Amino acid sequence: MYNSFDSSDISFSASGSRLLSESLVLQSSSSHTGLGGDDLSISELSSAERTHLSQKPFDHLAARESSTLEAVEDYEDDSDQEVHEEHDHGEQAEQQRRHRTKLREEKLQSDIFILRKLNASFATFNEALQDTGSANQRIALQLEQTDALLNKYIAILSKSEEFTRLLFDEQWQGAEADEEILRRESLEARDKARREVEERALVARREEEKRQREEQERTEKEESERVERERKERSAARGGVRGVI
């Protein structure tokens, strides 16, 4: 704005010099008079000077106004440029913030995707372990069943071997003899069990008799000791009485 004012002052000085030069020209040509010719009359000179002088101040004001308008326009242009720059900077910051937010969301989505994949893998691994455990249980059950079948087969073979031995035994007298043997063995087992019970009862009775006998002996001993102690006390009492007499 100050530069525009200085330029207006310079233009004003130039216009003033032009006025002085024109006034000198008019003074030099004042000797030429005549209406409509080269010589001007005093009235024509006065009107021309007034017209010229009246136009100069308007030209000076117009120059000042145009300079002021240019300064205002320059200021507005600078302000608009600053506003645009601030707006552009704000948009750039907003874009950067959105970009960072987008990157963070994408990273979170990627982490979530990886976690879901890991969970799915662990779930599959757990299912495989459960299937393996179920398979192991089935194998264990099959082994138990196989063991039971083998035991039955061994028992059958044992019986077959025993039957074969009996068939080829020359001393074997048949099933009736075996039944008689089994009956005798059963009777002997019962007799043996009865004898064992009787022996245990006899031992218990003897232990009880021994305990009772020992208890009786202990009681008799305590009684004899008591009697002997009382007898000694009475004897000592009689001896003391005789000594006093």
C-alpha atoms as a PDB file:
ATOM      1  CA  MET A   1       0.000   0.000   0.000  1.00  0.00           C
ATOM      2  CA  TYR A   2       2.812   2.408   0.776  1.00  0.00           C
ATOM      3  CA  ASN A   3       4.428   1.692  -2.563  1.00  0.00           C
ATOM      4  CA  SER A   4       1.189   2.529  -4.363  1.00  0.00           C
ATOM      5  CA  PHE A   5       0.999   5.861  -2.555  1.00  0.00           C
ATOM      6  CA  ASP A   6       4.597   6.673  -3.532  1.00  0.00           C
ATOM      7  CA  SER A   7       3.863   5.926  -7.188  1.00  0.00           C
ATOM      8  CA  SER A   8       0.840   8.236  -7.049  1.00  0.00           C
ATOM      9  CA  ASP A   9       3.052  10.994  -5.670  1.00  0.00           C
ATOM     10  CA  ILE A  10       5.502  10.442  -8.483  1.00  0.00           C
ATOM     11  CA  SER A  11       2.695  10.566 -11.062  1.00  0.00           C
ATOM     12  CA  PHE A  12       1.443  13.754  -9.433  1.00  0.00           C
ATOM     13  CA  SER A  13       4.919  15.369  -9.761  1.00  0.00           C
ATOM     14  CA  ALA A  14       5.046  14.374 -13.427  1.00  0.00           C
ATOM     15  CA  SER A  15       1.611  15.861 -14.053  1.00  0.00           C
ATOM     16  CA  GLY A  16       2.718  19.079 -12.294  1.00  0.00           C
ATOM     17  CA  SER A  17       5.763  19.350 -14.563  1.00  0.00           C
ATOM     18  CA  ARG A  18       3.562  18.823 -17.585  1.00  0.00           C
ATOM     19  CA  LEU A  19       1.276  21.655 -16.324  1.00  0.00           C
ATOM     20  CA  LEU A  20       4.262  23.986 -16.002  1.00  0.00           C
ATOM     21  CA  SER A  21       5.505  23.164 -19.468  1.00  0.00           C
ATOM     22  CA  GLU A  22       2.067  23.643 -20.974  1.00  0.00           C
ATOM     23  CA  SER A  23       1.662  27.012 -19.164  1.00  0.00           C
ATOM     24  CA  LEU A  24       4.988  28.145 -20.619  1.00  0.00           C
ATOM     25  CA  VAL A  25       3.866  27.105 -24.072  1.00  0.00           C
ATOM     26  CA  LEU A  26       0.641  28.991 -23.605  1.00  0.00           C
ATOM     27  CA  GLN A  27       2.515  32.108 -22.436  1.00  0.00           C
ATOM     28  CA  SER A  28       4.841  31.966 -25.420  1.00  0.00           C
ATOM     29  CA  SER A  29       1.944  31.667 -27.788  1.00  0.00           C
ATOM     30  CA  SER A  30      -0.137  34.370 -26.073  1.00  0.00           C
ATOM     31  CA  SER A  31       1.052  36.997 -28.546  1.00  0.00           C
ATOM     32  CA  HIS A  32      -0.786  35.129 -31.306  1.00  0.00           C
ATOM     33  CA  THR A  33      -4.404  36.138 -31.043  1.00  0.00           C
ATOM     34  CA  GLY A  34      -7.349  35.687 -33.194  1.00  0.00           C
ATOM     35  CA  LEU A  35     -10.479  33.629 -33.096  1.00  0.00           C
ATOM     36  CA  GLY A  36     -10.260  30.395 -35.004  1.00  0.00           C
ATOM     37  CA  GLY A  37      -6.659  30.906 -36.062  1.00  0.00           C
ATOM     38  CA  ASP A  38      -3.246  30.323 -34.542  1.00  0.00           C
ATOM     39  CA  ASP A  39      -3.624  33.272 -32.167  1.00  0.00           C
ATOM     40  CA  LEU A  40      -5.880  32.705 -29.134  1.00  0.00           C
ATOM     41  CA  SER A  41      -7.812  35.358 -27.323  1.00  0.00           C
ATOM     42  CA  ILE A  42      -7.664  35.861 -23.598  1.00  0.00           C
ATOM     43  CA  SER A  43     -11.094  34.286 -23.144  1.00  0.00           C
ATOM     44  CA  GLU A  44     -10.143  31.207 -25.165  1.00  0.00           C
ATOM     45  CA  LEU A  45      -6.903  30.880 -23.231  1.00  0.00           C
ATOM     46  CA  SER A  46      -8.680  31.146 -19.893  1.00  0.00           C
ATOM     47  CA  SER A  47     -11.280  28.543 -20.868  1.00  0.00           C
ATOM     48  CA  ALA A  48      -8.601  26.171 -22.176  1.00  0.00           C
ATOM     49  CA  GLU A  49      -6.539  26.529 -19.037  1.00  0.00           C
ATOM     50  CA  ARG A  50      -9.576  25.985 -16.843  1.00  0.00           C
ATOM     51  CA  THR A  51     -10.536  22.887 -18.801  1.00  0.00           C
ATOM     52  CA  HIS A  52      -7.003  21.511 -18.624  1.00  0.00           C
ATOM     53  CA  LEU A  53      -6.611  22.315 -14.930  1.00  0.00           C
ATOM     54  CA  SER A  54     -10.033  20.891 -14.097  1.00  0.00           C
ATOM     55  CA  GLN A  55      -9.107  17.552 -15.715  1.00  0.00           C
ATOM     56  CA  LYS A  56      -5.756  17.142 -13.948  1.00  0.00           C
ATOM     57  CA  PRO A  57      -7.036  16.679 -10.368  1.00  0.00           C
ATOM     58  CA  PHE A  58      -9.499  14.008 -11.557  1.00  0.00           C
ATOM     59  CA  ASP A  59      -6.645  12.199 -13.285  1.00  0.00           C
ATOM     60  CA  HIS A  60      -4.616  12.320 -10.067  1.00  0.00           C
ATOM     61  CA  LEU A  61      -7.506  10.956  -7.933  1.00  0.00           C
ATOM     62  CA  ALA A  62      -8.150   8.216 -10.470  1.00  0.00           C
ATOM     63  CA  ALA A  63      -4.475   7.203 -10.312  1.00  0.00           C
ATOM     64  CA  ARG A  64      -4.562   7.151  -6.520  1.00  0.00           C
ATOM     65  CA  GLU A  65      -7.801   5.146  -6.504  1.00  0.00           C
ATOM     66  CA  SER A  66      -6.446   2.679  -9.050  1.00  0.00           C
ATOM     67  CA  SER A  67      -3.249   2.291  -6.996  1.00  0.00           C
ATOM     68  CA  THR A  68      -5.302   1.751  -3.840  1.00  0.00           C
ATOM     69  CA  LEU A  69      -7.487  -0.800  -5.627  1.00  0.00           C
ATOM     70  CA  GLU A  70      -4.392  -2.601  -6.889  1.00  0.00           C
ATOM     71  CA  ALA A  71      -2.964  -2.680  -3.351  1.00  0.00           C
ATOM     72  CA  VAL A  72      -6.256  -3.999  -1.957  1.00  0.00           C
ATOM     73  CA  GLU A  73      -6.423  -6.584  -4.728  1.00  0.00           C
ATOM     74  CA  ASP A  74      -2.833  -7.612  -4.025  1.00  0.00           C
ATOM     75  CA  TYR A  75      -3.634  -7.923  -0.312  1.00  0.00           C
ATOM     76  CA  GLU A  76      -6.760  -9.912  -1.080  1.00  0.00           C
ATOM     77  CA  ASP A  77      -4.788 -12.099  -3.455  1.00  0.00           C
ATOM     78  CA  ASP A  78      -2.171 -12.677  -0.741  1.00  0.00           C
ATOM     79  CA  SER A  79      -4.903 -13.390   1.816  1.00  0.00           C
ATOM     80  CA  ASP A  80      -6.647 -15.752  -0.595  1.00  0.00           C
ATOM     81  CA  GLN A  81      -3.336 -17.468  -1.293  1.00  0.00           C
ATOM     82  CA  GLU A  82      -2.667 -17.858   2.448  1.00  0.00           C
ATOM     83  CA  VAL A  83      -6.200 -19.188   2.974  1.00  0.00           C
ATOM     84  CA  HIS A  84      -5.699 -21.604   0.088  1.00  0.00           C
ATOM     85  CA  GLU A  85      -2.341 -22.661   1.496  1.00  0.00           C
ATOM     86  CA  GLU A  86      -3.850 -23.178   4.964  1.00  0.00           C
ATOM     87  CA  HIS A  87      -6.752 -25.052   3.385  1.00  0.00           C
ATOM     88  CA  ASP A  88      -4.348 -27.182   1.376  1.00  0.00           C
ATOM     89  CA  HIS A  89      -2.251 -27.810   4.494  1.00  0.00           C
ATOM     90  CA  GLY A  90      -5.390 -28.773   6.438  1.00  0.00           C
ATOM     91  CA  GLU A  91      -6.497 -31.090   3.653  1.00  0.00           C
ATOM     92  CA  GLN A  92      -3.031 -32.636   3.531  1.00  0.00           C
ATOM     93  CA  ALA A  93      -3.046 -33.161   7.321  1.00  0.00           C
ATOM     94  CA  GLU A  94      -6.539 -34.648   7.101  1.00  0.00           C
ATOM     95  CA  GLN A  95      -5.430 -36.931   4.289  1.00  0.00           C
ATOM     96  CA  GLN A  96      -2.400 -38.009   6.323  1.00  0.00           C
ATOM     97  CA  ARG A  97      -4.602 -38.676   9.347  1.00  0.00           C
ATOM     98  CA  ARG A  98      -7.020 -40.678   7.230  1.00  0.00           C
ATOM     99  CA  HIS A  99      -4.119 -42.564   5.706  1.00  0.00           C
ATOM    100  CA  ARG A 100      -2.714 -43.413   9.155  1.00  0.00           C
ATOM    101  CA  THR A 101      -6.183 -44.447  10.334  1.00  0.00           C
ATOM    102  CA  LYS A 102      -6.606 -46.610   7.255  1.00  0.00           C
ATOM    103  CA  LEU A 103      -3.199 -48.220   7.790  1.00  0.00           C
ATOM    104  CA  ARG A 104      -4.015 -48.892  11.456  1.00  0.00           C
ATOM    105  CA  GLU A 105      -7.371 -50.425  10.538  1.00  0.00           C
ATOM    106  CA  GLU A 106      -5.734 -52.543   7.860  1.00  0.00           C
ATOM    107  CA  LYS A 107      -3.127 -53.739  10.376  1.00  0.00           C
ATOM    108  CA  LEU A 108      -5.853 -54.563  12.890  1.00  0.00           C
ATOM    109  CA  GLN A 109      -7.800 -56.447  10.244  1.00  0.00           C
ATOM    110  CA  SER A 110      -4.633 -58.324   9.301  1.00  0.00           C
ATOM    111  CA  ASP A 111      -3.955 -59.203  12.965  1.00  0.00           C
ATOM    112  CA  ILE A 112      -7.559 -60.346  13.393  1.00  0.00           C
ATOM    113  CA  PHE A 113      -7.268 -62.481  10.265  1.00  0.00           C
ATOM    114  CA  ILE A 114      -4.044 -64.064  11.551  1.00  0.00           C
ATOM    115  CA  LEU A 115      -5.613 -64.744  14.973  1.00  0.00           C
ATOM    116  CA  ARG A 116      -8.621 -66.357  13.342  1.00  0.00           C
ATOM    117  CA  LYS A 117      -6.329 -68.536  11.262  1.00  0.00           C
ATOM    118  CA  LEU A 118      -4.402 -69.531  14.404  1.00  0.00           C
ATOM    119  CA  ASN A 119      -7.632 -70.312  16.253  1.00  0.00           C
ATOM    120  CA  ALA A 120      -8.809 -72.429  13.342  1.00  0.00           C
ATOM    121  CA  SER A 121      -5.462 -74.260  13.287  1.00  0.00           C
ATOM    122  CA  PHE A 122      -5.607 -74.917  17.043  1.00  0.00           C
ATOM    123  CA  ALA A 123      -9.204 -76.105  16.729  1.00  0.00           C
ATOM    124  CA  THR A 124      -8.175 -78.510  13.970  1.00  0.00           C
ATOM    125  CA  PHE A 125      -5.236 -79.696  16.093  1.00  0.00           C
ATOM    126  CA  ASN A 126      -7.525 -80.266  19.090  1.00  0.00           C
ATOM    127  CA  GLU A 127      -9.950 -82.203  16.924  1.00  0.00           C
ATOM    128  CA  ALA A 128      -7.072 -84.318  15.658  1.00  0.00           C
ATOM    129  CA  LEU A 129      -5.957 -84.980  19.253  1.00  0.00           C
ATOM    130  CA  GLN A 130      -9.503 -85.931  20.229  1.00  0.00           C
ATOM    131  CA  ASP A 131      -9.740 -88.245  17.243  1.00  0.00           C
ATOM    132  CA  THR A 132      -6.391 -89.756  18.203  1.00  0.00           C
ATOM    133  CA  GLY A 133      -7.597 -90.239  21.790  1.00  0.00           C
ATOM    134  CA  SER A 134     -10.782 -91.875  20.553  1.00  0.00           C
ATOM    135  CA  ALA A 135      -8.739 -94.103  18.258  1.00  0.00           C
ATOM    136  CA  ASN A 136      -6.470 -95.057  21.187  1.00  0.00           C
ATOM    137  CA  GLN A 137      -9.506 -95.889  23.294  1.00  0.00           C
ATOM    138  CA  ARG A 138     -10.906 -98.035  20.503  1.00  0.00           C
ATOM    139  CA  ILE A 139      -7.552 -99.786  20.137  1.00  0.00           C
ATOM    140  CA  ALA A 140      -7.385-100.389  23.903  1.00  0.00           C
ATOM    141  CA  LEU A 141     -10.912-101.819  23.854  1.00  0.00           C
ATOM    142  CA  GLN A 142     -10.021-104.053  20.926  1.00  0.00           C
ATOM    143  CA  LEU A 143      -6.897-105.206  22.775  1.00  0.00           C
ATOM    144  CA  GLU A 144      -8.977-106.070  25.839  1.00  0.00           C
ATOM    145  CA  GLN A 145     -11.418-108.011  23.708  1.00  0.00           C
ATOM    146  CA  THR A 146      -8.546-109.765  21.948  1.00  0.00           C
ATOM    147  CA  ASP A 147      -6.971-110.624  25.311  1.00  0.00           C
ATOM    148  CA  ALA A 148     -10.265-112.047  26.528  1.00  0.00           C
ATOM    149  CA  LEU A 149     -10.598-114.115  23.352  1.00  0.00           C
ATOM    150  CA  LEU A 150      -7.019-115.352  23.739  1.00  0.00           C
ATOM    151  CA  ASN A 151      -7.695-116.363  27.332  1.00  0.00           C
ATOM    152  CA  LYS A 152     -10.773-118.275  26.221  1.00  0.00           C
ATOM    153  CA  TYR A 153      -8.785-119.916  23.461  1.00  0.00           C
ATOM    154  CA  ILE A 154      -6.022-120.869  25.909  1.00  0.00           C
ATOM    155  CA  ALA A 155      -8.617-122.332  28.275  1.00  0.00           C
ATOM    156  CA  ILE A 156     -10.118-124.301  25.410  1.00  0.00           C
ATOM    157  CA  LEU A 157      -6.672-125.553  24.427  1.00  0.00           C
ATOM    158  CA  SER A 158      -5.953-126.506  28.042  1.00  0.00           C
ATOM    159  CA  LYS A 159      -9.171-128.464  28.230  1.00  0.00           C
ATOM    160  CA  SER A 160      -8.459-130.053  24.872  1.00  0.00           C
ATOM    161  CA  GLU A 161      -5.001-130.995  26.069  1.00  0.00           C
ATOM    162  CA  GLU A 162      -6.433-132.407  29.273  1.00  0.00           C
ATOM    163  CA  PHE A 163      -9.065-134.307  27.315  1.00  0.00           C
ATOM    164  CA  THR A 164      -6.390-135.620  24.989  1.00  0.00           C
ATOM    165  CA  ARG A 165      -4.252-136.707  27.929  1.00  0.00           C
ATOM    166  CA  LEU A 166      -7.204-138.443  29.518  1.00  0.00           C
ATOM    167  CA  LEU A 167      -8.087-140.187  26.301  1.00  0.00           C
ATOM    168  CA  PHE A 168      -4.570-141.533  25.898  1.00  0.00           C
ATOM    169  CA  ASP A 169      -4.218-142.352  29.644  1.00  0.00           C
ATOM    170  CA  GLU A 170      -4.304-146.108  30.099  1.00  0.00           C
ATOM    171  CA  GLN A 171      -5.151-145.738  33.778  1.00  0.00           C
ATOM    172  CA  TRP A 172      -8.090-143.527  33.139  1.00  0.00           C
ATOM    173  CA  GLN A 173     -11.229-145.379  34.064  1.00  0.00           C
ATOM    174  CA  GLY A 174     -13.771-143.069  32.539  1.00  0.00           C
ATOM    175  CA  ALA A 175     -15.986-140.221  33.657  1.00  0.00           C
ATOM    176  CA  GLU A 176     -17.558-142.187  36.514  1.00  0.00           C
ATOM    177  CA  ALA A 177     -14.199-142.806  38.080  1.00  0.00           C
ATOM    178  CA  ASP A 178     -13.384-139.149  37.678  1.00  0.00           C
ATOM    179  CA  GLU A 179     -16.624-138.226  39.385  1.00  0.00           C
ATOM    180  CA  GLU A 180     -15.775-140.572  42.229  1.00  0.00           C
ATOM    181  CA  ILE A 181     -12.354-139.008  42.501  1.00  0.00           C
ATOM    182  CA  LEU A 182     -13.848-135.549  42.487  1.00  0.00           C
ATOM    183  CA  ARG A 183     -16.344-136.575  45.171  1.00  0.00           C
ATOM    184  CA  ARG A 184     -13.577-137.990  47.364  1.00  0.00           C
ATOM    185  CA  GLU A 185     -11.491-134.884  46.862  1.00  0.00           C
ATOM    186  CA  SER A 186     -14.477-132.734  47.812  1.00  0.00           C
ATOM    187  CA  LEU A 187     -15.065-134.809  50.952  1.00  0.00           C
ATOM    188  CA  GLU A 188     -11.416-134.595  51.845  1.00  0.00           C
ATOM    189  CA  ALA A 189     -11.479-130.838  51.357  1.00  0.00           C
ATOM    190  CA  ARG A 190     -14.527-130.502  53.570  1.00  0.00           C
ATOM    191  CA  ASP A 191     -12.951-132.758  56.229  1.00  0.00           C
ATOM    192  CA  LYS A 192      -9.792-130.737  56.066  1.00  0.00           C
ATOM    193  CA  ALA A 193     -11.694-127.484  56.458  1.00  0.00           C
ATOM    194  CA  ARG A 194     -13.638-128.944  59.387  1.00  0.00           C
ATOM    195  CA  ARG A 195     -10.460-130.115  61.066  1.00  0.00           C
ATOM    196  CA  GLU A 196      -8.896-126.724  60.569  1.00  0.00           C
ATOM    197  CA  VAL A 197     -11.935-125.095  62.170  1.00  0.00           C
ATOM    198  CA  GLU A 198     -11.816-127.535  65.079  1.00  0.00           C
ATOM    199  CA  GLU A 199      -8.108-126.956  65.513  1.00  0.00           C
ATOM    200  CA  ARG A 200      -8.581-123.202  65.526  1.00  0.00           C
ATOM    201  CA  ALA A 201     -11.378-123.578  68.081  1.00  0.00           C
ATOM    202  CA  LEU A 202      -9.197-125.851  70.231  1.00  0.00           C
ATOM    203  CA  VAL A 203      -6.328-123.397  70.100  1.00  0.00           C
ATOM    204  CA  ALA A 204      -8.654-120.555  71.041  1.00  0.00           C
ATOM    205  CA  ARG A 205     -10.084-122.598  73.915  1.00  0.00           C
ATOM    206  CA  ARG A 206      -6.626-123.449  75.173  1.00  0.00           C
ATOM    207  CA  GLU A 207      -5.600-119.826  74.967  1.00  0.00           C
ATOM    208  CA  GLU A 208      -8.681-118.848  76.954  1.00  0.00           C
ATOM    209  CA  GLU A 209      -8.003-121.543  79.578  1.00  0.00           C
ATOM    210  CA  LYS A 210      -4.414-120.384  79.854  1.00  0.00           C
ATOM    211  CA  ARG A 211      -5.518-116.792  80.280  1.00  0.00           C
ATOM    212  CA  GLN A 212      -8.038-117.768  82.960  1.00  0.00           C
ATOM    213  CA  ARG A 213      -5.466-119.892  84.760  1.00  0.00           C
ATOM    214  CA  GLU A 214      -2.941-117.082  84.736  1.00  0.00           C
ATOM    215  CA  GLU A 215      -5.582-114.665  85.979  1.00  0.00           C
ATOM    216  CA  GLN A 216      -6.512-117.053  88.789  1.00  0.00           C
ATOM    217  CA  GLU A 217      -2.889-117.546  89.764  1.00  0.00           C
ATOM    218  CA  ARG A 218      -2.342-113.802  89.799  1.00  0.00           C
ATOM    219  CA  THR A 219      -5.415-113.311  91.967  1.00  0.00           C
ATOM    220  CA  GLU A 220      -4.367-116.063  94.387  1.00  0.00           C
ATOM    221  CA  LYS A 221      -0.876-114.603  94.607  1.00  0.00           C
ATOM    222  CA  GLU A 222      -2.207-111.135  95.342  1.00  0.00           C
ATOM    223  CA  GLU A 223      -4.530-112.606  97.999  1.00  0.00           C
ATOM    224  CA  SER A 224      -1.732-114.552  99.699  1.00  0.00           C
ATOM    225  CA  GLU A 225       0.474-111.455  99.674  1.00  0.00           C
ATOM    226  CA  ARG A 226      -2.301-109.436 101.239  1.00  0.00           C
ATOM    227  CA  VAL A 227      -2.876-112.045 103.975  1.00  0.00           C
ATOM    228  CA  GLU A 228       0.841-112.274 104.690  1.00  0.00           C
ATOM    229  CA  ARG A 229       1.108-108.480 104.887  1.00  0.00           C
ATOM    230  CA  GLU A 230      -1.825-108.285 107.330  1.00  0.00           C
ATOM    231  CA  ARG A 231      -0.340-111.043 109.477  1.00  0.00           C
ATOM    232  CA  LYS A 232       2.942-109.193 109.710  1.00  0.00           C
ATOM    233  CA  GLU A 233       1.176-105.997 110.637  1.00  0.00           C
ATOM    234  CA  ARG A 234      -0.761-107.749 113.438  1.00  0.00           C
ATOM    235  CA  SER A 235       2.435-109.348 114.735  1.00  0.00           C
ATOM    236  CA  ALA A 236       4.191-106.013 114.796  1.00  0.00           C
ATOM    237  CA  ALA A 237       1.275-104.448 116.637  1.00  0.00           C
ATOM    238  CA  ARG A 238       1.293-107.178 119.358  1.00  0.00           C
ATOM    239  CA  GLY A 239       5.058-106.818 119.858  1.00  0.00           C
ATOM    240  CA  GLY A 240       4.696-103.091 120.429  1.00  0.00           C
ATOM    241  CA  VAL A 241       1.983-103.577 123.023  1.00  0.00           C
ATOM    242  CA  ARG A 242       4.100-106.112 124.990  1.00  0.00           C
ATOM    243  CA  GLY A 243       7.043-103.736 125.103  1.00  0.00           C
ATOM    244  CA  VAL A 244       4.888-100.997 126.584  1.00  0.00           C
ATOM    245  CA  ILE A 245       3.612-103.329 129.346  1.00  0.00           C
END
